[in-house]
Amino acid sequence: MTIETSELRRRLRSAIEQARNNASARRERSDAAGQDYETFLTSVAVPVVQHFANVLSAEGHQFHVATPAGSVRLASAASNEDYIEVLLDTSEDPPEVVGRTSRGRGRRMISSERPVRERTAVAELNQEDVLAFLLTEIVPFVSGR
């Protein structure tokens, strides 16, 4: 049994059209998530991280806040390689807000990345989500004291 050339071309064109439609829809989701993320970053994430850093300092743990393009980073005053960062991961579909943690232990660097809150749209994230993430991730940084 052989496939007719006309049938093969029809199916190939259909697959190409579907791929174009999928890519277009993904770009739209990514653009919408990017806009939601900018709002989330300025009105939720940055204020929570700044407040968190202030409380850490009051407890004797020196951290500072940086806002590199498109993210917010809580970095140890002792080493810029020790940090917790919140950013938008657009490689996922749909895009999601992830937290990246990096800690130096001697010569080794330990890095991890996970969603701030699993399966949650950017627009639905709130202060409690960011705080819960920070409270979980800060433990290795402050447990040595």
Foldseek 3Di string as FASTA:
>chain_A
DDDDPVVVVVVVVVVVVVVVVVVVVLVVLAVVLLVLLVVCVVPAQVVLLQVVQVVCVVVPFHWDWDDDPAKIWTAGPVDNQFIKMWGWDSVDVNIAIKIKGWDDDPPDIDIDMDGLDPPDRSNPDHNVSNVVSCVVRCCVVPVVD
